[in-house]
Amino acid sequence: MTSSSPGKLKVLGISGSLRQKSFNSALLREAQALAPDAMEIVIFDIHTIPLYDGDVEAAGDPAPVRELKDAIRAADGVLWVTPEYNHSTSGVLKNTIDWASRGKDSPLVGKPVTFMGAGSSGGTARAQMHLENIFAETRSHSMSKPGVLVAFARRQFDDNLTLNNDDTKMAVRAHLEAFALWIQKINRK
């Protein structure tokens, strides 16, 4: 993770897909480009996060997990972009959240979070509902509305994985603007 510009809200963006041509990773890159002027989204790659193992944790967090926790801690908020598999979020995203939530000093406690996702006919509605439940347990402050559920993702991205639907771009922008206000509200408490 690189440092953010001074005076801007620092948002950490995490895609829950490892696939090279992932619509969700493409959606995260689009969010990065569409972020309001007062926000900078820095993408964190989860490819090196190991499978959660309590024995490994007992020996100390592996370096990629320490980097993840430090990046979350340094961010004003976190944008989680989730695919939907079997009516839920991806295993790799859940694993990443599990690692981040561990320990007495979990960086997710009190952290403003939001989500979006690209999928088939229902977008990623069920995966996002599961994230709501997960982040209630981590004691994060999740914002789900106005929401971004990119349905029929294959139709909304071109061959270069560029979002080509202006309505969806406006929805992403509106969601990020609402998240900026959410972060400011939570951080005032």
N, C-alpha and C. Protein backbone atom coordinates (compact mmCIF):
# COMPACT_ATOMS: atom_id res chain seq x y z
N MET A 1 0.84 -1.18 0.00
CA MET A 1 0.00 0.00 0.00
C MET A 1 0.88 1.23 0.00
N THR A 2 0.57 2.16 -0.88
CA THR A 2 1.32 3.41 -0.91
C THR A 2 0.59 4.45 -0.09
N SER A 3 1.30 5.49 0.31
CA SER A 3 0.66 6.51 1.13
C SER A 3 -0.30 7.34 0.29
N SER A 4 -1.29 7.89 0.97
CA SER A 4 -2.32 8.67 0.32
C SER A 4 -1.90 10.13 0.26
N SER A 5 -2.59 10.89 -0.58
CA SER A 5 -2.33 12.32 -0.69
C SER A 5 -2.78 13.03 0.58
N PRO A 6 -2.04 14.06 1.00
CA PRO A 6 -2.42 14.80 2.21
C PRO A 6 -3.82 15.40 2.09
N GLY A 7 -4.57 15.33 3.18
CA GLY A 7 -5.89 15.94 3.22
C GLY A 7 -7.00 15.09 2.62
N LYS A 8 -6.67 14.01 1.98
CA LYS A 8 -7.69 13.15 1.38
C LYS A 8 -8.02 12.00 2.33
N LEU A 9 -9.27 11.53 2.24
CA LEU A 9 -9.64 10.33 2.98
C LEU A 9 -8.90 9.15 2.36
N LYS A 10 -8.30 8.34 3.20
CA LYS A 10 -7.57 7.17 2.73
C LYS A 10 -8.49 5.97 2.83
N VAL A 11 -8.83 5.39 1.71
CA VAL A 11 -9.68 4.20 1.67
C VAL A 11 -8.87 3.05 1.11
N LEU A 12 -8.87 1.96 1.85
CA LEU A 12 -8.21 0.75 1.40
C LEU A 12 -9.22 -0.06 0.59
N GLY A 13 -8.87 -0.46 -0.61
CA GLY A 13 -9.75 -1.25 -1.45
C GLY A 13 -9.25 -2.68 -1.56
N ILE A 14 -10.14 -3.65 -1.32
CA ILE A 14 -9.76 -5.06 -1.35
C ILE A 14 -10.76 -5.82 -2.22
N SER A 15 -10.24 -6.50 -3.24
CA SER A 15 -11.08 -7.35 -4.08
C SER A 15 -11.03 -8.77 -3.54
N GLY A 16 -12.20 -9.40 -3.49
CA GLY A 16 -12.29 -10.77 -3.01
C GLY A 16 -12.14 -11.81 -4.10
N SER A 17 -11.53 -11.43 -5.20
CA SER A 17 -11.31 -12.37 -6.29
C SER A 17 -9.83 -12.41 -6.63
N LEU A 18 -9.32 -13.59 -6.86
CA LEU A 18 -7.92 -13.77 -7.24
C LEU A 18 -7.75 -13.92 -8.75
N ARG A 19 -8.86 -14.05 -9.44
CA ARG A 19 -8.83 -14.29 -10.89
C ARG A 19 -8.23 -13.09 -11.63
N GLN A 20 -7.36 -13.35 -12.57
CA GLN A 20 -6.70 -12.27 -13.31
C GLN A 20 -7.71 -11.38 -14.03
N LYS A 21 -8.73 -11.95 -14.64
CA LYS A 21 -9.73 -11.16 -15.37
C LYS A 21 -11.02 -11.04 -14.56
N SER A 22 -10.88 -10.71 -13.32
CA SER A 22 -12.00 -10.61 -12.40
C SER A 22 -12.80 -9.33 -12.64
N PHE A 23 -14.11 -9.47 -12.75
CA PHE A 23 -14.98 -8.30 -12.84
C PHE A 23 -14.94 -7.50 -11.53
N ASN A 24 -14.76 -8.18 -10.41
CA ASN A 24 -14.72 -7.49 -9.13
C ASN A 24 -13.44 -6.68 -8.96
N SER A 25 -12.32 -7.21 -9.38
CA SER A 25 -11.09 -6.43 -9.35
C SER A 25 -11.19 -5.26 -10.32
N ALA A 26 -11.83 -5.48 -11.47
CA ALA A 26 -12.06 -4.39 -12.42
C ALA A 26 -12.97 -3.33 -11.81
N LEU A 27 -14.00 -3.76 -11.08
CA LEU A 27 -14.90 -2.82 -10.42
C LEU A 27 -14.14 -2.00 -9.39
N LEU A 28 -13.23 -2.63 -8.66
CA LEU A 28 -12.42 -1.90 -7.69
C LEU A 28 -11.54 -0.86 -8.38
N ARG A 29 -10.94 -1.22 -9.49
CA ARG A 29 -10.13 -0.24 -10.24
C ARG A 29 -10.99 0.91 -10.75
N GLU A 30 -12.21 0.60 -11.19
CA GLU A 30 -13.12 1.65 -11.62
C GLU A 30 -13.49 2.57 -10.44
N ALA A 31 -13.72 1.97 -9.27
CA ALA A 31 -14.03 2.77 -8.08
C ALA A 31 -12.86 3.69 -7.76
N GLN A 32 -11.66 3.17 -7.91
CA GLN A 32 -10.46 3.98 -7.66
C GLN A 32 -10.45 5.20 -8.59
N ALA A 33 -10.81 5.00 -9.85
CA ALA A 33 -10.82 6.09 -10.83
C ALA A 33 -12.00 7.04 -10.61
N LEU A 34 -13.11 6.52 -10.08
CA LEU A 34 -14.32 7.34 -9.90
C LEU A 34 -14.43 7.97 -8.52
N ALA A 35 -13.46 7.73 -7.67
CA ALA A 35 -13.53 8.25 -6.30
C ALA A 35 -13.65 9.78 -6.31
N PRO A 36 -14.40 10.30 -5.35
CA PRO A 36 -14.51 11.76 -5.27
C PRO A 36 -13.14 12.39 -4.99
N ASP A 37 -13.01 13.68 -5.30
CA ASP A 37 -11.73 14.36 -5.14
C ASP A 37 -11.16 14.27 -3.74
N ALA A 38 -12.03 14.19 -2.75
CA ALA A 38 -11.58 14.17 -1.35
C ALA A 38 -11.19 12.76 -0.87
N MET A 39 -11.17 11.79 -1.79
CA MET A 39 -10.90 10.40 -1.41
C MET A 39 -9.85 9.79 -2.33
N GLU A 40 -8.98 9.02 -1.74
CA GLU A 40 -8.03 8.23 -2.53
C GLU A 40 -8.18 6.77 -2.13
N ILE A 41 -8.41 5.91 -3.12
CA ILE A 41 -8.53 4.48 -2.87
C ILE A 41 -7.22 3.81 -3.25
N VAL A 42 -6.64 3.12 -2.29
CA VAL A 42 -5.40 2.38 -2.49
C VAL A 42 -5.74 0.89 -2.44
N ILE A 43 -5.37 0.16 -3.46
CA ILE A 43 -5.73 -1.25 -3.58
C ILE A 43 -4.70 -2.13 -2.87
N PHE A 44 -5.23 -3.06 -2.06
CA PHE A 44 -4.39 -4.03 -1.35
C PHE A 44 -4.62 -5.39 -2.00
N ASP A 45 -3.56 -6.04 -2.43
CA ASP A 45 -3.63 -7.35 -3.08
C ASP A 45 -3.58 -8.45 -2.02
N ILE A 46 -4.57 -9.35 -2.05
CA ILE A 46 -4.65 -10.40 -1.02
C ILE A 46 -4.06 -11.74 -1.48
N HIS A 47 -3.40 -11.78 -2.61
CA HIS A 47 -2.86 -13.03 -3.13
C HIS A 47 -1.93 -13.75 -2.16
N THR A 48 -1.22 -13.02 -1.32
CA THR A 48 -0.24 -13.66 -0.45
C THR A 48 -0.77 -13.95 0.96
N ILE A 49 -2.04 -13.63 1.22
CA ILE A 49 -2.61 -13.92 2.55
C ILE A 49 -2.77 -15.44 2.67
N PRO A 50 -2.14 -16.06 3.68
CA PRO A 50 -2.26 -17.52 3.82
C PRO A 50 -3.64 -17.90 4.36
N LEU A 51 -3.96 -19.18 4.25
CA LEU A 51 -5.18 -19.68 4.87
C LEU A 51 -5.05 -19.49 6.38
N TYR A 52 -6.16 -19.08 7.00
CA TYR A 52 -6.11 -18.87 8.44
C TYR A 52 -5.83 -20.19 9.15
N ASP A 53 -4.92 -20.15 10.11
CA ASP A 53 -4.56 -21.31 10.92
C ASP A 53 -4.20 -20.79 12.30
N GLY A 54 -4.95 -21.19 13.31
CA GLY A 54 -4.72 -20.74 14.67
C GLY A 54 -3.33 -21.06 15.18
N ASP A 55 -2.74 -22.17 14.74
CA ASP A 55 -1.37 -22.51 15.15
C ASP A 55 -0.37 -21.51 14.57
N VAL A 56 -0.59 -21.13 13.32
CA VAL A 56 0.29 -20.13 12.70
C VAL A 56 0.12 -18.79 13.42
N GLU A 57 -1.12 -18.43 13.70
CA GLU A 57 -1.38 -17.18 14.41
C GLU A 57 -0.70 -17.17 15.78
N ALA A 58 -0.75 -18.29 16.48
CA ALA A 58 -0.13 -18.38 17.82
C ALA A 58 1.37 -18.13 17.76
N ALA A 59 2.00 -18.46 16.64
CA ALA A 59 3.43 -18.22 16.46
C ALA A 59 3.72 -16.79 16.02
N GLY A 60 2.67 -16.04 15.70
CA GLY A 60 2.82 -14.65 15.24
C GLY A 60 2.30 -14.50 13.83
N ASP A 61 1.65 -13.37 13.59
CA ASP A 61 1.09 -13.13 12.26
C ASP A 61 2.17 -13.19 11.19
N PRO A 62 1.90 -13.91 10.08
CA PRO A 62 2.84 -13.90 8.95
C PRO A 62 2.94 -12.48 8.38
N ALA A 63 4.03 -12.19 7.71
CA ALA A 63 4.28 -10.85 7.16
C ALA A 63 3.11 -10.32 6.33
N PRO A 64 2.49 -11.10 5.42
CA PRO A 64 1.38 -10.55 4.64
C PRO A 64 0.18 -10.15 5.51
N VAL A 65 -0.03 -10.86 6.60
CA VAL A 65 -1.13 -10.53 7.51
C VAL A 65 -0.80 -9.24 8.28
N ARG A 66 0.45 -9.10 8.71
CA ARG A 66 0.86 -7.85 9.38
C ARG A 66 0.68 -6.67 8.43
N GLU A 67 1.05 -6.85 7.17
CA GLU A 67 0.89 -5.79 6.17
C GLU A 67 -0.58 -5.44 5.98
N LEU A 68 -1.44 -6.46 5.93
CA LEU A 68 -2.88 -6.24 5.81
C LEU A 68 -3.40 -5.45 6.99
N LYS A 69 -3.08 -5.88 8.19
CA LYS A 69 -3.57 -5.20 9.39
C LYS A 69 -3.05 -3.77 9.46
N ASP A 70 -1.80 -3.56 9.11
CA ASP A 70 -1.24 -2.21 9.11
C ASP A 70 -1.94 -1.32 8.09
N ALA A 71 -2.24 -1.89 6.91
CA ALA A 71 -2.92 -1.12 5.86
C ALA A 71 -4.34 -0.74 6.30
N ILE A 72 -5.04 -1.65 6.95
CA ILE A 72 -6.39 -1.35 7.45
C ILE A 72 -6.30 -0.29 8.53
N ARG A 73 -5.36 -0.45 9.43
CA ARG A 73 -5.18 0.51 10.53
C ARG A 73 -4.92 1.92 10.00
N ALA A 74 -4.11 2.02 8.94
CA ALA A 74 -3.73 3.32 8.38
C ALA A 74 -4.84 3.96 7.55
N ALA A 75 -5.83 3.17 7.16
CA ALA A 75 -6.91 3.68 6.30
C ALA A 75 -8.02 4.32 7.14
N ASP A 76 -8.69 5.29 6.52
CA ASP A 76 -9.87 5.89 7.16
C ASP A 76 -11.09 4.99 7.02
N GLY A 77 -11.09 4.16 6.00
CA GLY A 77 -12.18 3.23 5.76
C GLY A 77 -11.72 2.15 4.79
N VAL A 78 -12.54 1.09 4.67
CA VAL A 78 -12.19 -0.03 3.79
C VAL A 78 -13.35 -0.33 2.86
N LEU A 79 -13.04 -0.45 1.57
CA LEU A 79 -13.99 -0.84 0.54
C LEU A 79 -13.70 -2.28 0.16
N TRP A 80 -14.66 -3.17 0.44
CA TRP A 80 -14.53 -4.59 0.12
C TRP A 80 -15.36 -4.86 -1.13
N VAL A 81 -14.74 -5.43 -2.16
CA VAL A 81 -15.45 -5.73 -3.40
C VAL A 81 -15.53 -7.24 -3.52
N THR A 82 -16.77 -7.74 -3.48
CA THR A 82 -16.96 -9.18 -3.36
C THR A 82 -17.65 -9.82 -4.56
N PRO A 83 -17.11 -10.95 -5.01
CA PRO A 83 -17.89 -11.79 -5.91
C PRO A 83 -18.93 -12.56 -5.08
N GLU A 84 -19.77 -13.30 -5.74
CA GLU A 84 -20.72 -14.15 -5.02
C GLU A 84 -20.54 -15.59 -5.49
N TYR A 85 -20.21 -16.45 -4.54
CA TYR A 85 -20.07 -17.88 -4.80
C TYR A 85 -20.99 -18.62 -3.84
N ASN A 86 -21.85 -19.48 -4.40
CA ASN A 86 -22.74 -20.30 -3.58
C ASN A 86 -23.53 -19.47 -2.57
N HIS A 87 -24.06 -18.33 -3.06
CA HIS A 87 -24.90 -17.44 -2.26
C HIS A 87 -24.15 -16.76 -1.12
N SER A 88 -22.84 -16.65 -1.22
CA SER A 88 -22.07 -15.99 -0.17
C SER A 88 -20.85 -15.30 -0.79
N THR A 89 -20.03 -14.72 0.07
CA THR A 89 -18.80 -14.10 -0.39
C THR A 89 -17.77 -15.19 -0.74
N SER A 90 -16.68 -14.78 -1.32
CA SER A 90 -15.64 -15.76 -1.69
C SER A 90 -14.88 -16.23 -0.46
N GLY A 91 -14.35 -17.42 -0.56
CA GLY A 91 -13.55 -17.97 0.54
C GLY A 91 -12.32 -17.13 0.82
N VAL A 92 -11.67 -16.62 -0.23
CA VAL A 92 -10.45 -15.84 -0.01
C VAL A 92 -10.76 -14.51 0.68
N LEU A 93 -11.92 -13.92 0.39
CA LEU A 93 -12.27 -12.67 1.08
C LEU A 93 -12.62 -12.95 2.54
N LYS A 94 -13.38 -14.01 2.79
CA LYS A 94 -13.71 -14.38 4.17
C LYS A 94 -12.44 -14.69 4.95
N ASN A 95 -11.50 -15.38 4.33
CA ASN A 95 -10.22 -15.70 4.97
C ASN A 95 -9.46 -14.42 5.32
N THR A 96 -9.46 -13.45 4.42
CA THR A 96 -8.78 -12.18 4.66
C THR A 96 -9.41 -11.46 5.84
N ILE A 97 -10.74 -11.45 5.88
CA ILE A 97 -11.45 -10.80 6.99
C ILE A 97 -11.15 -11.54 8.29
N ASP A 98 -11.12 -12.87 8.24
CA ASP A 98 -10.82 -13.65 9.45
C ASP A 98 -9.46 -13.26 10.01
N TRP A 99 -8.45 -13.18 9.17
CA TRP A 99 -7.13 -12.78 9.65
C TRP A 99 -7.17 -11.36 10.23
N ALA A 100 -7.82 -10.45 9.52
CA ALA A 100 -7.84 -9.04 9.96
C ALA A 100 -8.59 -8.87 11.28
N SER A 101 -9.52 -9.76 11.54
CA SER A 101 -10.36 -9.62 12.75
C SER A 101 -9.71 -10.20 13.99
N ARG A 102 -8.62 -10.91 13.83
CA ARG A 102 -8.01 -11.63 14.96
C ARG A 102 -7.18 -10.71 15.83
N GLY A 103 -7.14 -11.03 17.10
CA GLY A 103 -6.30 -10.30 18.05
C GLY A 103 -7.07 -9.22 18.79
N LYS A 104 -6.55 -8.88 19.95
CA LYS A 104 -7.20 -7.86 20.78
C LYS A 104 -7.15 -6.49 20.14
N ASP A 105 -6.21 -6.29 19.24
CA ASP A 105 -6.06 -4.99 18.58
C ASP A 105 -6.50 -5.05 17.11
N SER A 106 -7.57 -5.80 16.84
CA SER A 106 -8.04 -5.94 15.46
C SER A 106 -8.29 -4.55 14.85
N PRO A 107 -7.73 -4.30 13.67
CA PRO A 107 -7.93 -3.00 13.04
C PRO A 107 -9.34 -2.81 12.49
N LEU A 108 -10.16 -3.86 12.51
CA LEU A 108 -11.53 -3.74 12.02
C LEU A 108 -12.48 -3.15 13.05
N VAL A 109 -12.12 -3.21 14.31
CA VAL A 109 -13.00 -2.68 15.36
C VAL A 109 -13.15 -1.18 15.17
N GLY A 110 -14.40 -0.75 14.99
CA GLY A 110 -14.70 0.67 14.82
C GLY A 110 -14.38 1.23 13.44
N LYS A 111 -13.90 0.41 12.53
CA LYS A 111 -13.50 0.88 11.19
C LYS A 111 -14.71 1.02 10.28
N PRO A 112 -14.87 2.16 9.60
CA PRO A 112 -15.92 2.28 8.58
C PRO A 112 -15.61 1.37 7.40
N VAL A 113 -16.60 0.58 7.00
CA VAL A 113 -16.43 -0.33 5.86
C VAL A 113 -17.65 -0.23 4.96
N THR A 114 -17.45 -0.56 3.70
CA THR A 114 -18.55 -0.66 2.76
C THR A 114 -18.18 -1.72 1.73
N PHE A 115 -19.15 -2.10 0.90
CA PHE A 115 -18.92 -3.17 -0.06
C PHE A 115 -19.67 -2.89 -1.35
N MET A 116 -19.20 -3.54 -2.37
CA MET A 116 -19.87 -3.56 -3.67
C MET A 116 -19.44 -4.85 -4.35
N GLY A 117 -20.06 -5.15 -5.46
CA GLY A 117 -19.67 -6.37 -6.15
C GLY A 117 -20.31 -6.49 -7.52
N ALA A 118 -19.70 -7.30 -8.35
CA ALA A 118 -20.17 -7.56 -9.71
C ALA A 118 -20.42 -9.06 -9.85
N GLY A 119 -21.57 -9.39 -10.41
CA GLY A 119 -21.90 -10.81 -10.55
C GLY A 119 -22.90 -11.05 -11.66
N SER A 120 -23.76 -12.04 -11.43
CA SER A 120 -24.74 -12.42 -12.45
C SER A 120 -26.02 -11.62 -12.24
N SER A 121 -27.17 -12.24 -12.40
CA SER A 121 -28.44 -11.51 -12.40
C SER A 121 -28.74 -10.78 -11.10
N GLY A 122 -28.29 -11.28 -9.98
CA GLY A 122 -28.55 -10.62 -8.70
C GLY A 122 -27.41 -9.76 -8.22
N GLY A 123 -26.44 -9.51 -9.10
CA GLY A 123 -25.26 -8.78 -8.64
C GLY A 123 -24.58 -9.64 -7.59
N THR A 124 -24.36 -9.09 -6.43
CA THR A 124 -23.78 -9.86 -5.33
C THR A 124 -24.56 -9.59 -4.05
N ALA A 125 -25.88 -9.51 -4.18
CA ALA A 125 -26.74 -9.13 -3.05
C ALA A 125 -26.58 -10.07 -1.86
N ARG A 126 -26.57 -11.37 -2.11
CA ARG A 126 -26.47 -12.32 -0.99
C ARG A 126 -25.08 -12.27 -0.35
N ALA A 127 -24.05 -12.13 -1.16
CA ALA A 127 -22.69 -12.03 -0.62
C ALA A 127 -22.58 -10.78 0.25
N GLN A 128 -23.17 -9.69 -0.19
CA GLN A 128 -23.10 -8.45 0.58
C GLN A 128 -23.91 -8.55 1.88
N MET A 129 -25.02 -9.28 1.86
CA MET A 129 -25.77 -9.51 3.11
C MET A 129 -24.92 -10.29 4.09
N HIS A 130 -24.17 -11.26 3.61
CA HIS A 130 -23.29 -12.02 4.50
C HIS A 130 -22.18 -11.13 5.05
N LEU A 131 -21.67 -10.21 4.23
CA LEU A 131 -20.66 -9.29 4.73
C LEU A 131 -21.23 -8.40 5.83
N GLU A 132 -22.48 -7.99 5.72
CA GLU A 132 -23.13 -7.22 6.79
C GLU A 132 -23.06 -7.99 8.10
N ASN A 133 -23.39 -9.28 8.06
CA ASN A 133 -23.34 -10.11 9.28
C ASN A 133 -21.92 -10.25 9.81
N ILE A 134 -20.99 -10.48 8.92
CA ILE A 134 -19.60 -10.66 9.33
C ILE A 134 -19.07 -9.39 9.99
N PHE A 135 -19.33 -8.25 9.37
CA PHE A 135 -18.79 -7.00 9.92
C PHE A 135 -19.53 -6.53 11.17
N ALA A 136 -20.72 -7.04 11.41
CA ALA A 136 -21.37 -6.79 12.71
C ALA A 136 -20.58 -7.49 13.81
N GLU A 137 -20.09 -8.67 13.51
CA GLU A 137 -19.31 -9.44 14.49
C GLU A 137 -17.94 -8.82 14.74
N THR A 138 -17.34 -8.20 13.71
CA THR A 138 -16.02 -7.59 13.87
C THR A 138 -16.11 -6.21 14.52
N ARG A 139 -17.33 -5.78 14.77
CA ARG A 139 -17.61 -4.46 15.36
C ARG A 139 -17.13 -3.31 14.47
N SER A 140 -17.21 -3.55 13.16
CA SER A 140 -16.94 -2.50 12.18
C SER A 140 -18.23 -1.72 11.96
N HIS A 141 -18.11 -0.54 11.36
CA HIS A 141 -19.28 0.28 11.05
C HIS A 141 -19.56 0.17 9.55
N SER A 142 -20.47 -0.74 9.17
CA SER A 142 -20.70 -0.98 7.75
C SER A 142 -21.78 -0.08 7.18
N MET A 143 -21.55 0.37 5.96
CA MET A 143 -22.50 1.17 5.20
C MET A 143 -22.88 0.38 3.96
N SER A 144 -24.16 0.04 3.84
CA SER A 144 -24.59 -0.75 2.69
C SER A 144 -25.38 0.06 1.67
N LYS A 145 -25.92 1.19 2.05
CA LYS A 145 -26.72 2.01 1.13
C LYS A 145 -25.96 3.25 0.76
N PRO A 146 -26.00 3.73 -0.47
CA PRO A 146 -26.93 3.38 -1.52
C PRO A 146 -26.64 2.04 -2.20
N GLY A 147 -25.45 1.53 -2.11
CA GLY A 147 -25.15 0.19 -2.60
C GLY A 147 -24.80 0.12 -4.07
N VAL A 148 -23.98 -0.87 -4.38
CA VAL A 148 -23.60 -1.13 -5.77
C VAL A 148 -23.66 -2.64 -5.98
N LEU A 149 -24.64 -3.06 -6.75
CA LEU A 149 -24.82 -4.46 -7.14
C LEU A 149 -24.75 -4.51 -8.66
N VAL A 150 -23.62 -4.85 -9.20
CA VAL A 150 -23.45 -4.86 -10.65
C VAL A 150 -23.95 -6.20 -11.18
N ALA A 151 -25.16 -6.17 -11.73
CA ALA A 151 -25.76 -7.38 -12.30
C ALA A 151 -25.31 -7.54 -13.75
N PHE A 152 -25.30 -8.78 -14.20
CA PHE A 152 -24.91 -9.10 -15.58
C PHE A 152 -23.57 -8.43 -15.92
N ALA A 153 -22.58 -8.70 -15.09
CA ALA A 153 -21.28 -8.05 -15.21
C ALA A 153 -20.66 -8.21 -16.60
N ARG A 154 -20.86 -9.36 -17.23
CA ARG A 154 -20.27 -9.58 -18.56
C ARG A 154 -20.75 -8.54 -19.57
N ARG A 155 -21.95 -8.02 -19.36
CA ARG A 155 -22.49 -7.01 -20.26
C ARG A 155 -22.02 -5.60 -19.91
N GLN A 156 -21.55 -5.41 -18.69
CA GLN A 156 -21.24 -4.06 -18.23
C GLN A 156 -19.76 -3.70 -18.36
N PHE A 157 -18.93 -4.69 -18.63
CA PHE A 157 -17.49 -4.46 -18.82
C PHE A 157 -17.12 -4.86 -20.24
N ASP A 158 -16.23 -4.10 -20.85
CA ASP A 158 -15.78 -4.47 -22.19
C ASP A 158 -14.66 -5.52 -22.10
N ASP A 159 -14.08 -5.86 -23.23
CA ASP A 159 -13.03 -6.89 -23.26
C ASP A 159 -11.78 -6.49 -22.48
N ASN A 160 -11.57 -5.20 -22.28
CA ASN A 160 -10.43 -4.71 -21.50
C ASN A 160 -10.79 -4.53 -20.02
N LEU A 161 -11.98 -5.01 -19.63
CA LEU A 161 -12.49 -4.91 -18.25
C LEU A 161 -12.68 -3.45 -17.82
N THR A 162 -13.09 -2.63 -18.76
CA THR A 162 -13.45 -1.25 -18.47
C THR A 162 -14.97 -1.19 -18.35
N LEU A 163 -15.45 -0.58 -17.29
CA LEU A 163 -16.89 -0.44 -17.08
C LEU A 163 -17.45 0.48 -18.16
N ASN A 164 -18.45 -0.01 -18.91
CA ASN A 164 -18.98 0.77 -20.02
C ASN A 164 -20.43 1.19 -19.81
N ASN A 165 -20.94 1.08 -18.59
CA ASN A 165 -22.33 1.45 -18.29
C ASN A 165 -22.32 2.73 -17.46
N ASP A 166 -22.82 3.81 -18.04
CA ASP A 166 -22.80 5.11 -17.36
C ASP A 166 -23.64 5.12 -16.09
N ASP A 167 -24.76 4.41 -16.09
CA ASP A 167 -25.60 4.35 -14.88
C ASP A 167 -24.85 3.67 -13.74
N THR A 168 -24.12 2.61 -14.06
CA THR A 168 -23.35 1.92 -13.03
C THR A 168 -22.21 2.81 -12.54
N LYS A 169 -21.57 3.53 -13.43
CA LYS A 169 -20.53 4.47 -13.01
C LYS A 169 -21.09 5.51 -12.04
N MET A 170 -22.29 6.01 -12.35
CA MET A 170 -22.92 7.00 -11.46
C MET A 170 -23.25 6.38 -10.11
N ALA A 171 -23.67 5.11 -10.11
CA ALA A 171 -23.98 4.42 -8.85
C ALA A 171 -22.72 4.23 -8.01
N VAL A 172 -21.61 3.87 -8.66
CA VAL A 172 -20.34 3.72 -7.94
C VAL A 172 -19.93 5.06 -7.34
N ARG A 173 -20.00 6.10 -8.13
CA ARG A 173 -19.62 7.44 -7.66
C ARG A 173 -20.50 7.87 -6.48
N ALA A 174 -21.82 7.67 -6.59
CA ALA A 174 -22.73 8.05 -5.51
C ALA A 174 -22.44 7.26 -4.25
N HIS A 175 -22.13 5.97 -4.40
CA HIS A 175 -21.81 5.14 -3.24
C HIS A 175 -20.54 5.62 -2.54
N LEU A 176 -19.55 5.98 -3.33
CA LEU A 176 -18.29 6.46 -2.76
C LEU A 176 -18.46 7.82 -2.09
N GLU A 177 -19.28 8.67 -2.67
CA GLU A 177 -19.57 9.97 -2.03
C GLU A 177 -20.27 9.76 -0.70
N ALA A 178 -21.23 8.82 -0.67
CA ALA A 178 -21.91 8.51 0.59
C ALA A 178 -20.94 7.90 1.59
N PHE A 179 -19.99 7.08 1.11
CA PHE A 179 -19.01 6.48 2.01
C PHE A 179 -18.10 7.54 2.61
N ALA A 180 -17.73 8.54 1.83
CA ALA A 180 -16.91 9.64 2.36
C ALA A 180 -17.63 10.32 3.52
N LEU A 181 -18.92 10.57 3.36
CA LEU A 181 -19.72 11.17 4.45
C LEU A 181 -19.82 10.23 5.64
N TRP A 182 -19.97 8.93 5.36
CA TRP A 182 -20.05 7.92 6.42
C TRP A 182 -18.77 7.88 7.25
N ILE A 183 -17.63 7.90 6.56
CA ILE A 183 -16.34 7.89 7.24
C ILE A 183 -16.23 9.11 8.16
N GLN A 184 -16.60 10.27 7.63
CA GLN A 184 -16.51 11.50 8.42
C GLN A 184 -17.44 11.43 9.63
N LYS A 185 -18.62 10.88 9.44
CA LYS A 185 -19.58 10.75 10.55
C LYS A 185 -19.04 9.80 11.62
N ILE A 186 -18.55 8.65 11.22
CA ILE A 186 -18.03 7.66 12.18
C ILE A 186 -16.81 8.20 12.90
N ASN A 187 -15.93 8.85 12.19
CA ASN A 187 -14.70 9.33 12.78
C ASN A 187 -14.91 10.54 13.70
N ARG A 188 -16.07 11.19 13.62
CA ARG A 188 -16.40 12.29 14.54
C ARG A 188 -16.85 11.77 15.90
N LYS A 189 -17.31 10.53 15.93
CA LYS A 189 -17.85 9.97 17.19
C LYS A 189 -16.77 9.80 18.22
